């Protein structure tokens, strides 16, 4: 599995966003950074139970991520048409207005090393990637346990300080200053 210090694979992949029109071969190039951070999070499968709670949770924080010069990107091993249908079927998901990678060929999930060996779907993996496309944080959950999007935001805040941050550090709190 790729980890801290590794480069995010520079792949161009199918992506789906919004509910106004059927997918039409839109793509996202993960090699482009435009000077921004990325939060890439995978869920195992569309039309499931835990996944929408995470997607909605991240969607509710989308502006918070944007305020930190961070692009939020979701992904699963479903197709763009399945993503579109799921968004159309659930108003909360339709409001989660950020790109969803359709990694049905499993190129990115395989490159990241996050495919469940028996299920053939991605684990619940979250990657925080800096503007140089270097992975700075990784968390991976099993298939049955959801993540805490607020914790992802907290870790992003800490990483962006480029300082020593103690346990449970929150934005606005003092960072650690080693004795000289």
Protein backbone atom coordinates (compact mmCIF):
# COMPACT_ATOMS: atom_id res chain seq x y z
CA UNK A 1 0.00 0.00 0.00
CA UNK A 2 1.21 3.50 -0.77
CA UNK A 3 1.93 5.53 2.33
CA UNK A 4 3.33 8.81 3.63
CA UNK A 5 6.10 10.13 1.39
CA UNK A 6 4.93 8.26 -1.72
CA UNK A 7 3.65 10.12 -4.78
CA UNK A 8 -0.02 9.86 -5.65
CA UNK A 9 -0.25 7.96 -8.96
CA UNK A 10 -0.61 10.44 -11.82
CA UNK A 11 -3.54 8.76 -13.53
CA UNK A 12 -6.35 10.21 -15.62
CA UNK A 13 -9.58 8.49 -14.61
CA UNK A 14 -13.31 8.68 -15.33
CA UNK A 15 -15.15 10.97 -12.96
CA UNK A 16 -18.77 11.84 -12.28
CA UNK A 17 -20.09 15.01 -10.69
CA UNK A 18 -23.58 16.43 -10.30
CA UNK A 19 -26.99 15.23 -11.40
CA UNK A 20 -27.86 17.59 -14.25
CA UNK A 21 -26.76 15.29 -17.09
CA UNK A 22 -25.73 11.71 -17.73
CA UNK A 23 -21.99 11.04 -17.52
CA UNK A 24 -20.25 11.97 -20.78
CA UNK A 25 -16.69 10.67 -20.49
CA UNK A 26 -15.51 13.34 -18.02
CA UNK A 27 -12.11 12.66 -16.49
CA UNK A 28 -9.87 13.87 -13.69
CA UNK A 29 -6.08 14.03 -13.94
CA UNK A 30 -4.61 13.24 -10.53
CA UNK A 31 -1.22 14.54 -11.68
CA UNK A 32 -2.56 18.09 -11.84
CA UNK A 33 -2.37 19.90 -8.53
CA UNK A 34 -2.91 23.57 -9.42
CA UNK A 35 -1.05 24.30 -6.17
CA UNK A 36 -3.78 22.69 -4.08
CA UNK A 37 -3.95 19.91 -1.53
CA UNK A 38 -6.16 16.88 -2.19
CA UNK A 39 -8.26 14.73 0.09
CA UNK A 40 -8.99 11.49 -1.76
CA UNK A 41 -11.32 9.08 -0.03
CA UNK A 42 -12.51 5.69 -1.23
CA UNK A 43 -15.66 3.85 -0.25
CA UNK A 44 -16.28 0.19 -1.13
CA UNK A 45 -19.50 0.35 -3.14
CA UNK A 46 -22.38 2.57 -4.16
CA UNK A 47 -25.92 1.73 -2.98
CA UNK A 48 -24.72 0.46 0.41
CA UNK A 49 -25.35 1.45 4.02
CA UNK A 50 -22.21 2.95 5.59
CA UNK A 51 -20.87 4.66 2.45
CA UNK A 52 -23.56 7.35 2.10
CA UNK A 53 -23.01 8.47 5.69
CA UNK A 54 -19.36 9.14 4.87
CA UNK A 55 -20.04 10.82 1.53
CA UNK A 56 -22.63 13.12 3.08
CA UNK A 57 -20.25 13.86 5.97
CA UNK A 58 -17.45 14.83 3.62
CA UNK A 59 -19.88 16.77 1.42
CA UNK A 60 -21.00 18.85 4.40
CA UNK A 61 -17.35 19.87 4.89
CA UNK A 62 -16.59 20.53 1.21
CA UNK A 63 -16.46 24.29 1.68
CA UNK A 64 -14.21 23.86 4.73
CA UNK A 65 -11.77 21.89 2.56
CA UNK A 66 -12.02 24.48 -0.23
CA UNK A 67 -11.27 27.25 2.28
CA UNK A 68 -7.99 25.40 2.95
CA UNK A 69 -7.03 25.24 -0.76
CA UNK A 70 -7.95 21.56 -0.78
CA UNK A 71 -9.82 19.62 -3.44
CA UNK A 72 -12.14 16.91 -2.11
CA UNK A 73 -12.31 13.81 -4.33
CA UNK A 74 -14.38 10.71 -3.67
CA UNK A 75 -13.89 7.33 -5.33
CA UNK A 76 -15.16 3.79 -5.55
CA UNK A 77 -14.81 0.89 -7.94
CA UNK A 78 -18.25 1.60 -9.43
CA UNK A 79 -18.89 3.15 -12.87
CA UNK A 80 -19.76 6.78 -13.50
CA UNK A 81 -23.30 5.70 -14.47
CA UNK A 82 -23.74 3.90 -11.14
CA UNK A 83 -22.46 7.03 -9.35
CA UNK A 84 -24.96 9.13 -11.30
CA UNK A 85 -27.87 6.80 -10.51
CA UNK A 86 -26.98 6.77 -6.82
CA UNK A 87 -26.79 10.54 -6.66
CA UNK A 88 -30.13 10.82 -8.46
CA UNK A 89 -31.72 8.40 -5.98
CA UNK A 90 -30.68 10.26 -2.82
CA UNK A 91 -30.99 14.03 -2.37
CA UNK A 92 -28.25 14.05 0.30
CA UNK A 93 -25.79 12.43 -2.12
CA UNK A 94 -26.83 14.81 -4.90
CA UNK A 95 -25.75 17.66 -2.62
CA UNK A 96 -22.29 16.10 -2.14
CA UNK A 97 -20.98 18.27 -4.97
CA UNK A 98 -17.43 17.09 -5.52
CA UNK A 99 -15.97 14.73 -8.13
CA UNK A 100 -16.44 10.99 -7.68
CA UNK A 101 -13.83 8.86 -9.43
CA UNK A 102 -15.35 5.89 -11.25
CA UNK A 103 -12.51 3.39 -10.80
CA UNK A 104 -14.34 0.35 -12.14
CA UNK A 105 -11.12 -0.76 -13.90
CA UNK A 106 -9.54 -0.61 -10.41
CA UNK A 107 -6.43 1.12 -11.76
CA UNK A 108 -6.09 3.62 -8.93
CA UNK A 109 -7.27 1.32 -6.14
CA UNK A 110 -4.75 -1.28 -7.30
CA UNK A 111 -1.94 1.30 -7.60
CA UNK A 112 -2.74 2.55 -4.09
CA UNK A 113 -2.81 -1.03 -2.77
CA UNK A 114 -6.25 -0.73 -1.18
CA UNK A 115 -8.23 -3.53 -2.86
CA UNK A 116 -9.88 -6.03 -0.54
CA UNK A 117 -8.51 -9.40 -1.72
CA UNK A 118 -11.79 -11.35 -1.56
CA UNK A 119 -14.42 -8.68 -2.17
CA UNK A 120 -12.65 -6.94 -5.06
CA UNK A 121 -13.67 -3.50 -3.80
CA UNK A 122 -11.60 -0.77 -2.17
CA UNK A 123 -11.16 -0.47 1.56
CA UNK A 124 -12.34 2.77 3.20
CA UNK A 125 -9.06 4.58 2.56
CA UNK A 126 -8.34 8.28 2.97
CA UNK A 127 -5.29 10.02 1.55
CA UNK A 128 -4.25 13.61 2.26
CA UNK A 129 -1.95 14.74 -0.54
CA UNK A 130 0.11 17.94 -0.58
CA UNK A 131 0.44 20.37 -3.52
CA UNK A 132 3.51 18.45 -4.75
CA UNK A 133 1.33 15.31 -5.06
CA UNK A 134 3.10 13.65 -2.11
CA UNK A 135 0.95 11.63 0.28
CA UNK A 136 1.14 13.17 3.77
CA UNK A 137 -1.47 11.10 5.62
CA UNK A 138 -3.22 7.76 5.13
CA UNK A 139 -5.96 6.02 7.07
CA UNK A 140 -7.63 2.77 6.09
CA UNK A 141 -10.70 1.21 7.65
CA UNK A 142 -12.24 -2.19 7.07
CA UNK A 143 -15.39 -2.49 4.99
CA UNK A 144 -17.83 -2.22 7.90
CA UNK A 145 -16.61 0.86 9.82
CA UNK A 146 -17.14 4.44 8.66
CA UNK A 147 -14.67 7.30 8.97
CA UNK A 148 -14.80 10.67 10.67
CA UNK A 149 -14.56 13.43 8.01
CA UNK A 150 -14.05 16.02 10.76
CA UNK A 151 -10.89 14.16 11.80
CA UNK A 152 -9.63 14.33 8.21
CA UNK A 153 -10.13 18.11 8.33
CA UNK A 154 -8.32 18.31 11.69
CA UNK A 155 -5.32 16.37 10.33
CA UNK A 156 -5.26 18.55 7.20
CA UNK A 157 -5.19 21.67 9.42
CA UNK A 158 -2.27 20.21 11.39
CA UNK A 159 -0.35 19.26 8.24
CA UNK A 160 -0.82 22.72 6.79
CA UNK A 161 0.76 24.36 9.86
CA UNK A 162 4.08 22.66 9.02
CA UNK A 163 4.65 22.70 12.79
CA UNK A 164 4.73 20.13 15.60
CA UNK A 165 1.12 19.52 16.63
CA UNK A 166 0.31 17.64 19.84
CA UNK A 167 -2.31 14.95 20.32
CA UNK A 168 -5.87 16.20 19.69
CA UNK A 169 -4.55 19.54 18.41
CA UNK A 170 -7.28 21.75 16.91
CA UNK A 171 -7.02 24.75 14.58
CA UNK A 172 -6.23 27.88 16.62
CA UNK A 173 -4.45 26.02 19.42
CA UNK A 174 -0.76 26.45 20.19
CA UNK A 175 1.72 24.21 18.41
CA UNK A 176 4.71 22.69 20.16
CA UNK A 177 7.91 24.73 20.33
CA UNK A 178 11.00 22.66 21.19
CA UNK A 179 13.43 24.24 23.63
CA UNK A 180 16.37 25.85 21.84
